[in-house]
């Protein structure tokens, strides 16, 4: 039984951002039972790269950031309006969450 697939990527190079998706899909093909939770944990500092997974095709349930509050503060202070808006969309849509939410989300 496969309960969750969690891919941990310190950062996401633009040419390899989709590796987490393909890793999860390969495991799902061989599972027995219901579909597992599919999550990515990252420390990526660029909202545009995070959005490539968080706002993708829906294969990934959620992206968890290890320092989301700090990322929001940094983007608010230094980021462009587009970066702020993109980050807001991902957070409000529950596509990007803080790492502290991961254990609770996996119990469901």
N, C-alpha and C. Protein backbone atom coordinates (compact mmCIF):
# COMPACT_ATOMS: atom_id res chain seq x y z
N UNK A 1 0.85 -1.16 0.00
CA UNK A 1 0.00 0.00 0.00
C UNK A 1 0.91 1.24 0.00
N UNK A 2 0.61 2.15 -0.88
CA UNK A 2 1.37 3.39 -1.01
C UNK A 2 0.50 4.54 -0.51
N UNK A 3 0.89 5.15 0.60
CA UNK A 3 0.09 6.23 1.20
C UNK A 3 0.45 7.59 0.63
N UNK A 4 1.74 7.86 0.43
CA UNK A 4 2.17 9.17 -0.05
C UNK A 4 3.48 9.07 -0.82
N UNK A 5 3.62 9.95 -1.79
CA UNK A 5 4.87 10.11 -2.51
C UNK A 5 5.30 11.55 -2.26
N UNK A 6 6.45 11.71 -1.59
CA UNK A 6 6.94 13.04 -1.26
C UNK A 6 8.31 13.20 -1.90
N UNK A 7 8.39 14.11 -2.83
CA UNK A 7 9.64 14.39 -3.51
C UNK A 7 10.26 15.63 -2.88
N UNK A 8 11.51 15.53 -2.47
CA UNK A 8 12.19 16.66 -1.82
C UNK A 8 13.22 17.23 -2.77
N UNK A 9 13.02 18.49 -3.11
CA UNK A 9 13.91 19.20 -4.03
C UNK A 9 14.36 20.48 -3.37
N UNK A 10 15.65 20.61 -3.07
CA UNK A 10 16.16 21.82 -2.43
C UNK A 10 15.80 23.03 -3.28
N UNK A 11 16.14 22.97 -4.56
CA UNK A 11 15.72 23.98 -5.52
C UNK A 11 15.25 23.25 -6.77
N UNK A 12 14.60 23.98 -7.65
CA UNK A 12 14.09 23.36 -8.87
C UNK A 12 14.67 24.08 -10.07
N UNK A 13 15.60 23.45 -10.74
CA UNK A 13 16.08 24.02 -11.99
C UNK A 13 14.94 23.99 -12.99
N UNK A 14 14.86 24.99 -13.81
CA UNK A 14 13.73 25.09 -14.74
C UNK A 14 13.63 23.89 -15.67
N UNK A 15 14.75 23.29 -16.04
CA UNK A 15 14.72 22.15 -16.95
C UNK A 15 14.42 20.83 -16.23
N UNK A 16 14.42 20.84 -14.89
CA UNK A 16 14.16 19.60 -14.15
C UNK A 16 13.00 19.71 -13.17
N UNK A 17 12.21 20.74 -13.29
CA UNK A 17 11.11 20.95 -12.35
C UNK A 17 10.08 19.84 -12.42
N UNK A 18 9.96 19.21 -13.56
CA UNK A 18 8.92 18.19 -13.73
C UNK A 18 9.35 16.79 -13.27
N UNK A 19 10.59 16.64 -12.81
CA UNK A 19 11.05 15.33 -12.34
C UNK A 19 10.19 14.78 -11.21
N UNK A 20 9.75 15.65 -10.31
CA UNK A 20 8.92 15.20 -9.19
C UNK A 20 7.62 14.60 -9.70
N UNK A 21 7.05 15.20 -10.72
CA UNK A 21 5.81 14.68 -11.30
C UNK A 21 6.03 13.31 -11.93
N UNK A 22 7.08 13.15 -12.69
CA UNK A 22 7.32 11.86 -13.34
C UNK A 22 7.67 10.78 -12.32
N UNK A 23 8.40 11.14 -11.25
CA UNK A 23 8.70 10.16 -10.19
C UNK A 23 7.41 9.63 -9.58
N UNK A 24 6.51 10.53 -9.25
CA UNK A 24 5.25 10.13 -8.63
C UNK A 24 4.40 9.28 -9.57
N UNK A 25 4.32 9.68 -10.83
CA UNK A 25 3.49 8.93 -11.78
C UNK A 25 4.03 7.52 -12.01
N UNK A 26 5.34 7.36 -11.99
CA UNK A 26 5.92 6.01 -12.12
C UNK A 26 5.56 5.13 -10.94
N UNK A 27 5.56 5.67 -9.74
CA UNK A 27 5.17 4.89 -8.56
C UNK A 27 3.68 4.56 -8.56
N UNK A 28 2.87 5.49 -9.02
CA UNK A 28 1.42 5.27 -9.04
C UNK A 28 1.05 4.12 -9.97
N UNK A 29 1.75 3.99 -11.07
CA UNK A 29 1.45 2.92 -12.02
C UNK A 29 1.57 1.54 -11.38
N UNK A 30 2.44 1.40 -10.39
CA UNK A 30 2.69 0.10 -9.78
C UNK A 30 1.98 -0.10 -8.45
N UNK A 31 1.12 0.81 -8.07
CA UNK A 31 0.48 0.73 -6.76
C UNK A 31 -0.70 -0.24 -6.79
N UNK A 32 -1.10 -0.61 -5.58
CA UNK A 32 -2.34 -1.37 -5.39
C UNK A 32 -3.18 -0.53 -4.44
N UNK A 33 -4.44 -0.41 -4.71
CA UNK A 33 -5.29 0.40 -3.84
C UNK A 33 -5.49 1.80 -4.38
N UNK A 34 -5.90 2.67 -3.48
CA UNK A 34 -6.25 4.03 -3.88
C UNK A 34 -5.01 4.85 -4.24
N UNK A 35 -5.23 5.96 -4.92
CA UNK A 35 -4.12 6.83 -5.30
C UNK A 35 -3.52 7.50 -4.07
N UNK A 36 -2.21 7.58 -4.01
CA UNK A 36 -1.55 8.18 -2.84
C UNK A 36 -1.55 9.71 -2.91
N UNK A 37 -1.23 10.34 -1.79
CA UNK A 37 -0.96 11.77 -1.77
C UNK A 37 0.33 11.99 -2.56
N UNK A 38 0.37 13.03 -3.35
CA UNK A 38 1.58 13.34 -4.11
C UNK A 38 1.98 14.76 -3.74
N UNK A 39 3.15 14.90 -3.14
CA UNK A 39 3.59 16.20 -2.65
C UNK A 39 5.06 16.45 -2.99
N UNK A 40 5.39 17.72 -3.04
CA UNK A 40 6.78 18.14 -3.25
C UNK A 40 7.15 19.07 -2.10
N UNK A 41 8.32 18.84 -1.53
CA UNK A 41 8.86 19.73 -0.50
C UNK A 41 10.06 20.44 -1.13
N UNK A 42 10.09 21.76 -0.99
CA UNK A 42 11.16 22.51 -1.62
C UNK A 42 11.58 23.71 -0.77
N UNK A 43 12.72 24.26 -1.14
CA UNK A 43 13.21 25.51 -0.57
C UNK A 43 13.42 26.53 -1.69
N UNK A 44 12.82 26.29 -2.83
CA UNK A 44 12.98 27.15 -4.01
C UNK A 44 12.59 28.59 -3.69
N UNK A 45 13.47 29.55 -3.99
CA UNK A 45 13.17 30.95 -3.67
C UNK A 45 12.39 31.70 -4.75
N UNK A 46 12.19 31.10 -5.92
CA UNK A 46 11.51 31.81 -7.01
C UNK A 46 10.07 31.32 -7.17
N UNK A 47 9.09 32.18 -6.95
CA UNK A 47 7.69 31.78 -7.11
C UNK A 47 7.37 31.25 -8.50
N UNK A 48 8.01 31.75 -9.52
CA UNK A 48 7.73 31.27 -10.88
C UNK A 48 8.10 29.80 -11.06
N UNK A 49 9.19 29.37 -10.45
CA UNK A 49 9.57 27.96 -10.54
C UNK A 49 8.66 27.09 -9.69
N UNK A 50 8.26 27.59 -8.54
CA UNK A 50 7.33 26.83 -7.69
C UNK A 50 6.00 26.65 -8.43
N UNK A 51 5.58 27.68 -9.12
CA UNK A 51 4.28 27.62 -9.81
C UNK A 51 4.26 26.58 -10.92
N UNK A 52 5.43 26.25 -11.48
CA UNK A 52 5.45 25.24 -12.54
C UNK A 52 4.93 23.89 -12.05
N UNK A 53 5.09 23.62 -10.77
CA UNK A 53 4.53 22.40 -10.18
C UNK A 53 3.19 22.65 -9.50
N UNK A 54 3.13 23.72 -8.73
CA UNK A 54 1.93 23.98 -7.93
C UNK A 54 0.71 24.27 -8.80
N UNK A 55 0.90 24.94 -9.92
CA UNK A 55 -0.22 25.30 -10.79
C UNK A 55 -0.23 24.48 -12.06
N UNK A 56 0.41 23.33 -12.02
CA UNK A 56 0.51 22.49 -13.21
C UNK A 56 -0.78 21.77 -13.54
N UNK A 57 -0.66 20.55 -13.98
CA UNK A 57 -1.80 19.78 -14.48
C UNK A 57 -2.64 19.15 -13.38
N UNK A 58 -2.25 19.29 -12.14
CA UNK A 58 -3.02 18.70 -11.05
C UNK A 58 -2.50 17.36 -10.59
N UNK A 59 -1.40 16.88 -11.18
CA UNK A 59 -0.82 15.61 -10.75
C UNK A 59 -0.27 15.72 -9.33
N UNK A 60 0.25 16.88 -8.98
CA UNK A 60 0.81 17.13 -7.65
C UNK A 60 -0.30 17.69 -6.77
N UNK A 61 -0.53 17.05 -5.61
CA UNK A 61 -1.57 17.54 -4.70
C UNK A 61 -1.21 18.89 -4.12
N UNK A 62 0.04 19.05 -3.70
CA UNK A 62 0.44 20.28 -3.05
C UNK A 62 1.95 20.39 -3.03
N UNK A 63 2.43 21.62 -3.04
CA UNK A 63 3.85 21.89 -2.87
C UNK A 63 4.01 22.51 -1.49
N UNK A 64 4.96 21.99 -0.72
CA UNK A 64 5.22 22.48 0.63
C UNK A 64 6.57 23.18 0.63
N UNK A 65 6.60 24.37 1.19
CA UNK A 65 7.84 25.14 1.25
C UNK A 65 8.36 25.10 2.67
N UNK A 66 9.67 24.90 2.82
CA UNK A 66 10.22 24.75 4.16
C UNK A 66 10.31 26.07 4.92
N UNK A 67 10.18 27.19 4.22
CA UNK A 67 10.24 28.51 4.86
C UNK A 67 9.24 29.45 4.17
N UNK A 68 8.00 29.06 4.16
CA UNK A 68 6.99 29.83 3.42
C UNK A 68 6.82 31.23 3.97
N UNK A 69 6.78 31.39 5.27
CA UNK A 69 6.60 32.73 5.83
C UNK A 69 7.76 33.65 5.43
N UNK A 70 8.96 33.12 5.44
CA UNK A 70 10.13 33.90 5.05
C UNK A 70 10.10 34.23 3.56
N UNK A 71 9.63 33.27 2.74
CA UNK A 71 9.50 33.52 1.31
C UNK A 71 8.50 34.63 1.03
N UNK A 72 7.36 34.58 1.72
CA UNK A 72 6.34 35.62 1.54
C UNK A 72 6.90 36.99 1.93
N UNK A 73 7.63 37.05 3.04
CA UNK A 73 8.22 38.31 3.49
C UNK A 73 9.25 38.82 2.48
N UNK A 74 10.08 37.95 1.97
CA UNK A 74 11.11 38.35 1.01
C UNK A 74 10.49 38.84 -0.29
N UNK A 75 9.49 38.14 -0.77
CA UNK A 75 8.83 38.55 -2.01
C UNK A 75 8.09 39.87 -1.80
N UNK A 76 7.50 40.05 -0.64
CA UNK A 76 6.83 41.32 -0.34
C UNK A 76 7.81 42.48 -0.33
N UNK A 77 8.99 42.24 0.22
CA UNK A 77 10.00 43.30 0.33
C UNK A 77 10.74 43.55 -0.99
N UNK A 78 11.07 42.47 -1.71
CA UNK A 78 11.98 42.60 -2.84
C UNK A 78 11.39 42.20 -4.19
N UNK A 79 10.30 41.47 -4.17
CA UNK A 79 9.78 40.90 -5.41
C UNK A 79 8.97 41.86 -6.24
N UNK A 80 8.74 41.45 -7.48
CA UNK A 80 7.90 42.24 -8.38
C UNK A 80 6.43 42.01 -8.04
N UNK A 81 5.57 42.83 -8.61
CA UNK A 81 4.13 42.67 -8.40
C UNK A 81 3.66 41.31 -8.92
N UNK A 82 4.23 40.86 -10.04
CA UNK A 82 3.86 39.56 -10.60
C UNK A 82 4.20 38.42 -9.64
N UNK A 83 5.37 38.49 -9.02
CA UNK A 83 5.79 37.45 -8.07
C UNK A 83 4.88 37.44 -6.85
N UNK A 84 4.55 38.62 -6.35
CA UNK A 84 3.64 38.70 -5.20
C UNK A 84 2.27 38.12 -5.53
N UNK A 85 1.77 38.45 -6.71
CA UNK A 85 0.45 37.96 -7.12
C UNK A 85 0.47 36.45 -7.32
N UNK A 86 1.50 35.94 -7.95
CA UNK A 86 1.63 34.50 -8.18
C UNK A 86 1.69 33.74 -6.86
N UNK A 87 2.46 34.24 -5.92
CA UNK A 87 2.57 33.61 -4.61
C UNK A 87 1.22 33.62 -3.90
N UNK A 88 0.52 34.74 -3.98
CA UNK A 88 -0.80 34.86 -3.36
C UNK A 88 -1.79 33.86 -3.95
N UNK A 89 -1.77 33.70 -5.26
CA UNK A 89 -2.67 32.76 -5.93
C UNK A 89 -2.41 31.33 -5.46
N UNK A 90 -1.13 30.95 -5.37
CA UNK A 90 -0.79 29.59 -4.96
C UNK A 90 -1.19 29.33 -3.51
N UNK A 91 -1.00 30.31 -2.63
CA UNK A 91 -1.31 30.13 -1.22
C UNK A 91 -2.82 30.11 -1.01
N UNK A 92 -3.54 31.04 -1.60
CA UNK A 92 -5.00 31.09 -1.44
C UNK A 92 -5.67 29.86 -2.04
N UNK A 93 -5.11 29.34 -3.12
CA UNK A 93 -5.66 28.14 -3.76
C UNK A 93 -5.22 26.85 -3.10
N UNK A 94 -4.49 26.95 -2.00
CA UNK A 94 -3.95 25.82 -1.25
C UNK A 94 -3.12 24.88 -2.11
N UNK A 95 -2.39 25.49 -3.05
CA UNK A 95 -1.46 24.73 -3.89
C UNK A 95 -0.05 24.84 -3.33
N UNK A 96 0.18 25.82 -2.45
CA UNK A 96 1.47 26.02 -1.79
C UNK A 96 1.20 26.23 -0.31
N UNK A 97 1.84 25.39 0.52
CA UNK A 97 1.64 25.45 1.96
C UNK A 97 2.98 25.40 2.68
N UNK A 98 2.95 25.74 3.94
CA UNK A 98 4.13 25.65 4.78
C UNK A 98 4.38 24.18 5.13
N UNK A 99 5.64 23.84 5.32
CA UNK A 99 6.02 22.46 5.64
C UNK A 99 5.33 21.94 6.90
N UNK A 100 4.98 22.83 7.82
CA UNK A 100 4.31 22.39 9.05
C UNK A 100 2.92 21.81 8.79
N UNK A 101 2.34 22.09 7.62
CA UNK A 101 1.03 21.53 7.26
C UNK A 101 1.12 20.09 6.74
N UNK A 102 2.29 19.67 6.33
CA UNK A 102 2.43 18.35 5.71
C UNK A 102 1.98 17.19 6.60
N UNK A 103 2.43 17.08 7.85
CA UNK A 103 1.99 15.94 8.67
C UNK A 103 0.47 15.88 8.84
N UNK A 104 -0.15 17.03 9.03
CA UNK A 104 -1.61 17.05 9.19
C UNK A 104 -2.32 16.65 7.90
N UNK A 105 -1.81 17.12 6.76
CA UNK A 105 -2.43 16.77 5.48
C UNK A 105 -2.31 15.27 5.18
N UNK A 106 -1.25 14.64 5.65
CA UNK A 106 -1.05 13.21 5.38
C UNK A 106 -1.93 12.32 6.26
N UNK A 107 -2.45 12.86 7.35
CA UNK A 107 -3.31 12.04 8.21
C UNK A 107 -4.70 11.89 7.63
N UNK A 108 -5.04 12.69 6.68
CA UNK A 108 -6.38 12.64 6.09
C UNK A 108 -6.44 11.57 5.04
